[in-house]
Amino acid sequence: MKKYVSGFLFFLCLTTGSLLALFFMTKGADQEEAKQVQAVETVEHPAFAGVEPETETMMHLVLNQEQVVAKVQSEKYCLVAEEGYLIVYDKDEETVNLFTHMPLSEFPEAEQEKLLEGIWFPTMAEIFSYLESYSS
């Protein structure tokens, strides 16, 4: 029995000593890492000619002086409800591009009114995104 007690005490002392050694070894590493993070997160204000840091105002510089023209995407697909289900038509409104098996009753009333009139989308991806947002 003395062998087991002495073995257990040896194991306990060895484990405690190892944990204490690891604690003291990593304690200094955490402080160094914290100092590195603090050095990275410091912000230096740019020094403008003739402007003191206390009275510094926000300045916006425009680097690209080209005029931006919004591209108008043509509406190519119409999502409409017919006979209780949603159908995707091409631009000519005669060619069926996709027949969905989603019933109109799954949509809120406000959306049902819009779908009865038809909603135009520029891409099929936007139609799928719209349908996915209302599917359960």
Protein backbone atom coordinates (compact mmCIF):
# COMPACT_ATOMS: atom_id res chain seq x y z
CA MET A 1 0.00 0.00 0.00
CA LYS A 2 2.94 2.32 0.73
CA LYS A 3 4.10 1.84 -2.86
CA TYR A 4 0.76 3.10 -4.25
CA VAL A 5 0.68 6.12 -1.92
CA SER A 6 4.27 7.06 -2.71
CA GLY A 7 3.61 6.59 -6.46
CA PHE A 8 0.49 8.76 -6.26
CA LEU A 9 2.32 11.48 -4.33
CA PHE A 10 5.18 11.39 -6.87
CA PHE A 11 2.68 11.70 -9.75
CA LEU A 12 0.85 14.54 -7.97
CA CYS A 13 4.09 16.48 -7.32
CA LEU A 14 5.30 15.94 -10.88
CA THR A 15 1.98 17.15 -12.36
CA THR A 16 1.83 20.18 -10.06
CA GLY A 17 5.43 21.12 -10.86
CA SER A 18 4.78 20.80 -14.61
CA LEU A 19 1.66 22.96 -14.45
CA LEU A 20 3.43 25.64 -12.43
CA ALA A 21 6.38 25.65 -14.85
CA LEU A 22 4.03 26.03 -17.84
CA PHE A 23 2.16 28.82 -16.08
CA PHE A 24 5.29 30.86 -15.43
CA MET A 25 6.62 30.22 -18.96
CA THR A 26 3.42 31.44 -20.65
CA LYS A 27 2.86 34.37 -18.30
CA GLY A 28 5.65 36.39 -19.91
CA ALA A 29 4.53 35.46 -23.43
CA ASP A 30 1.04 36.89 -22.81
CA GLN A 31 2.49 40.22 -21.71
CA GLU A 32 4.70 40.42 -24.80
CA GLU A 33 1.78 39.56 -27.06
CA ALA A 34 -0.35 42.22 -25.39
CA LYS A 35 2.38 44.80 -25.98
CA GLN A 36 2.54 43.82 -29.67
CA VAL A 37 -1.24 44.14 -30.03
CA GLN A 38 -1.22 47.53 -28.33
CA ALA A 39 1.52 48.70 -30.67
CA VAL A 40 -0.52 47.62 -33.69
CA GLU A 41 -3.72 49.25 -32.47
CA THR A 42 -2.25 52.70 -31.82
CA VAL A 43 -3.53 55.33 -34.21
CA GLU A 44 -1.41 58.20 -35.38
CA HIS A 45 -3.15 61.25 -36.75
CA PRO A 46 -1.73 62.55 -40.02
CA ALA A 47 0.09 65.82 -39.70
CA PHE A 48 -1.38 68.36 -42.10
CA ALA A 49 0.66 71.41 -42.93
CA GLY A 50 -0.35 74.24 -40.62
CA VAL A 51 -3.06 72.28 -38.78
CA GLU A 52 -2.64 71.51 -35.14
CA PRO A 53 -3.93 68.11 -33.92
CA GLU A 54 -6.42 69.72 -31.50
CA THR A 55 -8.09 71.79 -34.25
CA GLU A 56 -7.88 69.13 -36.95
CA THR A 57 -10.99 68.89 -39.09
CA MET A 58 -12.16 66.07 -41.31
CA MET A 59 -10.86 66.43 -44.86
CA HIS A 60 -12.18 64.40 -47.78
CA LEU A 61 -10.00 63.99 -50.80
CA VAL A 62 -11.50 62.90 -54.10
CA LEU A 63 -8.99 60.79 -55.96
CA ASN A 64 -11.11 59.66 -58.88
CA GLN A 65 -12.80 62.58 -60.60
CA GLU A 66 -14.65 60.50 -63.21
CA GLN A 67 -18.38 60.85 -63.26
CA VAL A 68 -20.16 57.69 -62.19
CA VAL A 69 -23.05 56.70 -64.39
CA ALA A 70 -25.46 54.17 -62.96
CA LYS A 71 -26.01 51.20 -65.21
CA VAL A 72 -29.66 50.48 -65.71
CA GLN A 73 -30.27 46.76 -65.74
CA SER A 74 -32.98 45.79 -68.13
CA GLU A 75 -35.74 43.75 -66.63
CA LYS A 76 -35.68 40.42 -68.41
CA TYR A 77 -37.86 38.14 -66.31
CA CYS A 78 -41.36 38.53 -64.91
CA LEU A 79 -42.48 36.51 -61.89
CA VAL A 80 -46.26 36.28 -61.92
CA ALA A 81 -48.90 34.17 -60.17
CA GLU A 82 -51.29 32.23 -62.38
CA GLU A 83 -53.70 29.51 -61.30
CA GLY A 84 -52.33 29.68 -57.76
CA TYR A 85 -48.69 28.99 -58.66
CA LEU A 86 -45.73 31.18 -59.61
CA ILE A 87 -44.46 31.24 -63.18
CA VAL A 88 -41.41 33.03 -64.62
CA TYR A 89 -41.88 34.54 -68.08
CA ASP A 90 -39.25 35.96 -70.42
CA LYS A 91 -39.24 39.59 -71.51
CA ASP A 92 -41.86 38.98 -74.20
CA GLU A 93 -44.31 37.72 -71.51
CA GLU A 94 -45.28 34.77 -73.70
CA THR A 95 -42.42 32.32 -73.24
CA VAL A 96 -42.50 30.41 -69.97
CA ASN A 97 -38.96 30.28 -68.61
CA LEU A 98 -39.67 28.47 -65.34
CA PHE A 99 -42.74 26.92 -63.78
CA THR A 100 -42.33 26.90 -60.01
CA HIS A 101 -44.37 24.65 -57.81
CA MET A 102 -44.62 27.31 -55.11
CA PRO A 103 -48.22 28.11 -54.23
CA LEU A 104 -49.26 31.72 -54.00
CA SER A 105 -50.78 31.05 -50.56
CA GLU A 106 -47.27 30.80 -48.99
CA PHE A 107 -46.72 34.54 -49.48
CA PRO A 108 -48.06 37.43 -47.38
CA GLU A 109 -51.09 39.27 -48.72
CA ALA A 110 -49.13 42.35 -49.80
CA GLU A 111 -46.75 40.16 -51.82
CA GLN A 112 -49.67 38.18 -53.26
CA GLU A 113 -51.09 41.38 -54.75
CA LYS A 114 -47.72 42.25 -56.30
CA LEU A 115 -47.33 38.73 -57.68
CA LEU A 116 -50.76 38.80 -59.27
CA GLU A 117 -49.68 41.92 -61.20
CA GLY A 118 -46.18 40.55 -61.87
CA ILE A 119 -42.75 41.48 -60.51
CA TRP A 120 -39.88 42.16 -62.90
CA PHE A 121 -36.31 40.98 -62.21
CA PRO A 122 -33.09 41.51 -64.21
CA THR A 123 -31.62 38.06 -63.48
CA MET A 124 -32.79 34.58 -62.56
CA ALA A 125 -30.49 34.68 -59.52
CA GLU A 126 -32.55 37.53 -58.08
CA ILE A 127 -35.74 35.55 -58.67
CA PHE A 128 -34.31 32.57 -56.82
CA SER A 129 -33.19 34.83 -53.99
CA TYR A 130 -36.66 36.36 -53.77
CA LEU A 131 -38.34 32.95 -53.74
CA GLU A 132 -35.90 31.63 -51.17
CA SER A 133 -36.62 34.53 -48.83
CA TYR A 134 -40.30 33.52 -48.70
CA SER A 135 -39.91 29.74 -48.69
CA SER A 136 -40.02 27.94 -45.39
